[in-house]
Amino acid sequence: MSARRDGGDVVVSFSGVEGALTSWSGAPIGFELCAQSCRFAAARVEGGTVRVLRDGQPVTRVRYAWADTPVVNLYDVANMTPTSFELVVE
């Protein structure tokens, strides 16, 4: 798994997913952009990656499902969801 900048967005690439990713009930939820503090961010699925959309604030890290009981809706074709993670944005 890795995270890189693409313009102001952050693109998260996943390894070990089966087929394309999908989000149930609309756009994927559970993504946060972080610098000094973290904030939830809009995201969209693009095949085997997720684009976390820019919000005009600084970004050094991205995280997903970062809670004791996170609400998530991102799955692959085997109905497996990624585990929680925090990545440094390159």
N, C-alpha and C. Protein backbone atom coordinates (compact mmCIF):
# COMPACT_ATOMS: atom_id res chain seq x y z
N MET A 1 0.85 -1.17 0.00
CA MET A 1 0.00 0.00 0.00
C MET A 1 0.90 1.24 0.00
N SER A 2 0.48 2.25 -0.73
CA SER A 2 1.26 3.48 -0.78
C SER A 2 0.33 4.66 -1.02
N ALA A 3 0.83 5.86 -0.70
CA ALA A 3 0.08 7.09 -0.91
C ALA A 3 1.00 8.11 -1.57
N ARG A 4 0.47 8.75 -2.62
CA ARG A 4 1.26 9.76 -3.32
C ARG A 4 0.37 10.95 -3.66
N ARG A 5 1.00 12.07 -3.85
CA ARG A 5 0.28 13.28 -4.25
C ARG A 5 0.02 13.24 -5.75
N ASP A 6 -1.13 13.74 -6.13
CA ASP A 6 -1.46 13.91 -7.54
C ASP A 6 -2.21 15.23 -7.61
N GLY A 7 -1.48 16.30 -7.94
CA GLY A 7 -2.06 17.64 -7.79
C GLY A 7 -2.21 17.88 -6.30
N GLY A 8 -3.37 18.31 -5.88
CA GLY A 8 -3.62 18.47 -4.44
C GLY A 8 -4.26 17.25 -3.81
N ASP A 9 -4.66 16.27 -4.64
CA ASP A 9 -5.29 15.05 -4.13
C ASP A 9 -4.23 14.08 -3.63
N VAL A 10 -4.66 13.07 -2.90
CA VAL A 10 -3.80 11.98 -2.47
C VAL A 10 -4.36 10.70 -3.07
N VAL A 11 -3.52 9.95 -3.78
CA VAL A 11 -3.95 8.69 -4.38
C VAL A 11 -3.36 7.54 -3.56
N VAL A 12 -4.24 6.70 -3.05
CA VAL A 12 -3.83 5.54 -2.27
C VAL A 12 -3.92 4.31 -3.17
N SER A 13 -2.79 3.62 -3.32
CA SER A 13 -2.74 2.40 -4.13
C SER A 13 -2.71 1.20 -3.19
N PHE A 14 -3.54 0.22 -3.48
CA PHE A 14 -3.67 -0.95 -2.64
C PHE A 14 -3.00 -2.15 -3.30
N SER A 15 -2.42 -3.02 -2.49
CA SER A 15 -1.90 -4.29 -2.98
C SER A 15 -2.72 -5.40 -2.33
N GLY A 16 -2.80 -6.51 -3.00
CA GLY A 16 -3.52 -7.64 -2.44
C GLY A 16 -5.03 -7.58 -2.55
N VAL A 17 -5.55 -6.64 -3.33
CA VAL A 17 -7.00 -6.59 -3.53
C VAL A 17 -7.35 -7.50 -4.70
N GLU A 18 -8.52 -8.05 -4.63
CA GLU A 18 -8.99 -8.93 -5.70
C GLU A 18 -9.94 -8.16 -6.59
N GLY A 19 -9.53 -7.92 -7.83
CA GLY A 19 -10.35 -7.13 -8.75
C GLY A 19 -10.34 -5.67 -8.37
N ALA A 20 -11.31 -4.96 -8.88
CA ALA A 20 -11.42 -3.53 -8.59
C ALA A 20 -12.05 -3.30 -7.22
N LEU A 21 -11.75 -2.17 -6.64
CA LEU A 21 -12.40 -1.77 -5.39
C LEU A 21 -13.78 -1.20 -5.71
N THR A 22 -14.64 -1.25 -4.74
CA THR A 22 -15.96 -0.66 -4.88
C THR A 22 -16.38 -0.11 -3.52
N SER A 23 -17.28 0.83 -3.54
CA SER A 23 -17.81 1.34 -2.27
C SER A 23 -19.32 1.14 -2.28
N TRP A 24 -19.81 0.57 -1.24
CA TRP A 24 -21.25 0.37 -1.10
C TRP A 24 -21.86 1.67 -0.61
N SER A 25 -23.00 1.98 -1.05
CA SER A 25 -23.75 3.18 -0.62
C SER A 25 -23.08 4.48 -1.06
N GLY A 26 -22.51 4.51 -2.23
CA GLY A 26 -21.94 5.76 -2.73
C GLY A 26 -20.44 5.84 -2.57
N ALA A 27 -19.94 7.03 -2.28
CA ALA A 27 -18.51 7.27 -2.18
C ALA A 27 -17.93 6.58 -0.95
N PRO A 28 -16.64 6.18 -1.01
CA PRO A 28 -16.02 5.54 0.14
C PRO A 28 -15.92 6.51 1.32
N ILE A 29 -16.12 5.99 2.51
CA ILE A 29 -16.01 6.81 3.72
C ILE A 29 -14.94 6.22 4.62
N GLY A 30 -14.50 6.99 5.58
CA GLY A 30 -13.49 6.52 6.52
C GLY A 30 -12.10 7.02 6.23
N PHE A 31 -11.92 7.86 5.19
CA PHE A 31 -10.61 8.42 4.87
C PHE A 31 -10.41 9.76 5.56
N GLU A 32 -9.19 9.98 6.04
CA GLU A 32 -8.83 11.24 6.68
C GLU A 32 -7.52 11.75 6.10
N LEU A 33 -7.41 13.05 5.95
CA LEU A 33 -6.17 13.72 5.60
C LEU A 33 -5.62 14.34 6.87
N CYS A 34 -4.29 14.25 7.06
CA CYS A 34 -3.69 14.72 8.30
C CYS A 34 -2.47 15.59 8.04
N ALA A 35 -2.25 16.53 8.92
CA ALA A 35 -1.02 17.32 9.01
C ALA A 35 -0.81 17.49 10.52
N GLN A 36 -1.08 18.68 11.06
CA GLN A 36 -1.06 18.87 12.52
C GLN A 36 -2.21 18.12 13.17
N SER A 37 -3.36 18.14 12.52
CA SER A 37 -4.54 17.40 12.99
C SER A 37 -5.13 16.67 11.79
N CYS A 38 -6.11 15.84 12.04
CA CYS A 38 -6.74 15.06 10.96
C CYS A 38 -8.17 15.51 10.76
N ARG A 39 -8.64 15.35 9.53
CA ARG A 39 -10.02 15.69 9.21
C ARG A 39 -10.52 14.72 8.14
N PHE A 40 -11.80 14.38 8.23
CA PHE A 40 -12.38 13.47 7.24
C PHE A 40 -12.36 14.14 5.88
N ALA A 41 -12.21 13.33 4.84
CA ALA A 41 -12.10 13.85 3.49
C ALA A 41 -12.94 13.03 2.52
N ALA A 42 -13.43 13.69 1.51
CA ALA A 42 -14.17 13.00 0.44
C ALA A 42 -13.18 12.17 -0.37
N ALA A 43 -13.68 11.06 -0.91
CA ALA A 43 -12.83 10.18 -1.70
C ALA A 43 -13.66 9.53 -2.79
N ARG A 44 -12.95 9.01 -3.80
CA ARG A 44 -13.65 8.25 -4.85
C ARG A 44 -12.76 7.10 -5.31
N VAL A 45 -13.40 6.01 -5.67
CA VAL A 45 -12.72 4.81 -6.13
C VAL A 45 -12.35 4.97 -7.59
N GLU A 46 -11.12 4.56 -7.92
CA GLU A 46 -10.64 4.57 -9.30
C GLU A 46 -9.96 3.23 -9.57
N GLY A 47 -10.75 2.19 -9.82
CA GLY A 47 -10.20 0.84 -10.05
C GLY A 47 -9.60 0.26 -8.79
N GLY A 48 -8.27 0.08 -8.77
CA GLY A 48 -7.59 -0.46 -7.60
C GLY A 48 -6.99 0.61 -6.70
N THR A 49 -7.37 1.87 -6.93
CA THR A 49 -6.88 2.97 -6.10
C THR A 49 -8.06 3.77 -5.57
N VAL A 50 -7.75 4.60 -4.58
CA VAL A 50 -8.75 5.55 -4.07
C VAL A 50 -8.12 6.93 -4.11
N ARG A 51 -8.83 7.88 -4.68
CA ARG A 51 -8.39 9.27 -4.72
C ARG A 51 -9.07 10.01 -3.58
N VAL A 52 -8.27 10.50 -2.64
CA VAL A 52 -8.78 11.29 -1.53
C VAL A 52 -8.67 12.74 -1.96
N LEU A 53 -9.78 13.43 -2.00
CA LEU A 53 -9.85 14.75 -2.64
C LEU A 53 -9.28 15.85 -1.76
N ARG A 54 -8.59 16.75 -2.40
CA ARG A 54 -7.94 17.88 -1.71
C ARG A 54 -8.98 18.76 -1.02
N ASP A 55 -8.54 19.38 0.06
CA ASP A 55 -9.41 20.30 0.77
C ASP A 55 -8.73 21.64 1.01
N GLY A 56 -7.56 21.86 0.37
CA GLY A 56 -6.87 23.14 0.48
C GLY A 56 -5.99 23.28 1.71
N GLN A 57 -5.95 22.27 2.57
CA GLN A 57 -5.12 22.33 3.77
C GLN A 57 -3.88 21.45 3.57
N PRO A 58 -2.83 21.67 4.37
CA PRO A 58 -1.62 20.85 4.25
C PRO A 58 -1.91 19.37 4.54
N VAL A 59 -1.16 18.49 3.87
CA VAL A 59 -1.32 17.05 4.05
C VAL A 59 0.05 16.40 4.17
N THR A 60 0.25 15.62 5.23
CA THR A 60 1.48 14.84 5.38
C THR A 60 1.17 13.34 5.49
N ARG A 61 -0.06 13.01 5.91
CA ARG A 61 -0.46 11.61 6.09
C ARG A 61 -1.90 11.43 5.64
N VAL A 62 -2.22 10.18 5.30
CA VAL A 62 -3.61 9.81 5.02
C VAL A 62 -3.89 8.57 5.87
N ARG A 63 -5.09 8.49 6.38
CA ARG A 63 -5.44 7.29 7.13
C ARG A 63 -6.86 6.85 6.81
N TYR A 64 -7.11 5.57 7.13
CA TYR A 64 -8.38 4.95 6.78
C TYR A 64 -8.84 4.09 7.95
N ALA A 65 -10.13 4.18 8.26
CA ALA A 65 -10.74 3.35 9.30
C ALA A 65 -10.00 3.48 10.63
N TRP A 66 -9.65 4.70 10.99
CA TRP A 66 -8.81 4.99 12.15
C TRP A 66 -9.69 5.29 13.36
N ALA A 67 -10.34 4.28 13.88
CA ALA A 67 -11.22 4.43 15.03
C ALA A 67 -11.42 3.07 15.67
N ASP A 68 -11.94 3.06 16.88
CA ASP A 68 -12.20 1.78 17.55
C ASP A 68 -13.26 0.96 16.83
N THR A 69 -14.29 1.61 16.37
CA THR A 69 -15.34 0.93 15.60
C THR A 69 -15.65 1.78 14.37
N PRO A 70 -14.78 1.72 13.36
CA PRO A 70 -14.95 2.60 12.20
C PRO A 70 -16.13 2.19 11.32
N VAL A 71 -16.71 3.17 10.70
CA VAL A 71 -17.72 2.94 9.68
C VAL A 71 -16.99 2.99 8.34
N VAL A 72 -17.01 1.89 7.62
CA VAL A 72 -16.31 1.81 6.34
C VAL A 72 -17.22 1.16 5.30
N ASN A 73 -16.98 1.46 4.04
CA ASN A 73 -17.80 0.87 2.99
C ASN A 73 -16.97 0.57 1.73
N LEU A 74 -15.68 0.33 1.89
CA LEU A 74 -14.79 0.04 0.77
C LEU A 74 -14.48 -1.45 0.76
N TYR A 75 -14.69 -2.10 -0.38
CA TYR A 75 -14.51 -3.54 -0.50
C TYR A 75 -13.94 -3.88 -1.86
N ASP A 76 -13.33 -5.09 -1.95
CA ASP A 76 -12.95 -5.60 -3.26
C ASP A 76 -14.00 -6.61 -3.72
N VAL A 77 -13.78 -7.29 -4.84
CA VAL A 77 -14.79 -8.20 -5.36
C VAL A 77 -14.99 -9.43 -4.48
N ALA A 78 -14.05 -9.72 -3.59
CA ALA A 78 -14.19 -10.83 -2.64
C ALA A 78 -14.89 -10.36 -1.36
N ASN A 79 -15.43 -9.13 -1.38
CA ASN A 79 -16.10 -8.53 -0.23
C ASN A 79 -15.20 -8.38 0.99
N MET A 80 -13.91 -8.17 0.74
CA MET A 80 -12.95 -7.92 1.82
C MET A 80 -12.65 -6.43 1.87
N THR A 81 -12.63 -5.88 3.06
CA THR A 81 -12.31 -4.47 3.23
C THR A 81 -10.85 -4.32 3.66
N PRO A 82 -10.19 -3.26 3.26
CA PRO A 82 -8.82 -3.03 3.74
C PRO A 82 -8.83 -2.84 5.26
N THR A 83 -7.73 -3.23 5.89
CA THR A 83 -7.60 -2.98 7.31
C THR A 83 -7.28 -1.50 7.53
N SER A 84 -7.41 -1.06 8.76
CA SER A 84 -7.09 0.34 9.05
C SER A 84 -5.60 0.57 8.79
N PHE A 85 -5.28 1.79 8.38
CA PHE A 85 -3.89 2.12 8.10
C PHE A 85 -3.68 3.62 8.21
N GLU A 86 -2.42 3.99 8.37
CA GLU A 86 -1.97 5.37 8.26
C GLU A 86 -0.70 5.36 7.43
N LEU A 87 -0.67 6.19 6.39
CA LEU A 87 0.47 6.24 5.48
C LEU A 87 1.01 7.66 5.38
N VAL A 88 2.32 7.77 5.24
CA VAL A 88 2.94 9.05 4.93
C VAL A 88 2.73 9.31 3.45
N VAL A 89 2.34 10.52 3.12
CA VAL A 89 2.10 10.88 1.71
C VAL A 89 3.43 11.28 1.09
N GLU A 90 3.79 10.63 0.01
CA GLU A 90 5.06 10.92 -0.67
C GLU A 90 4.89 12.03 -1.67
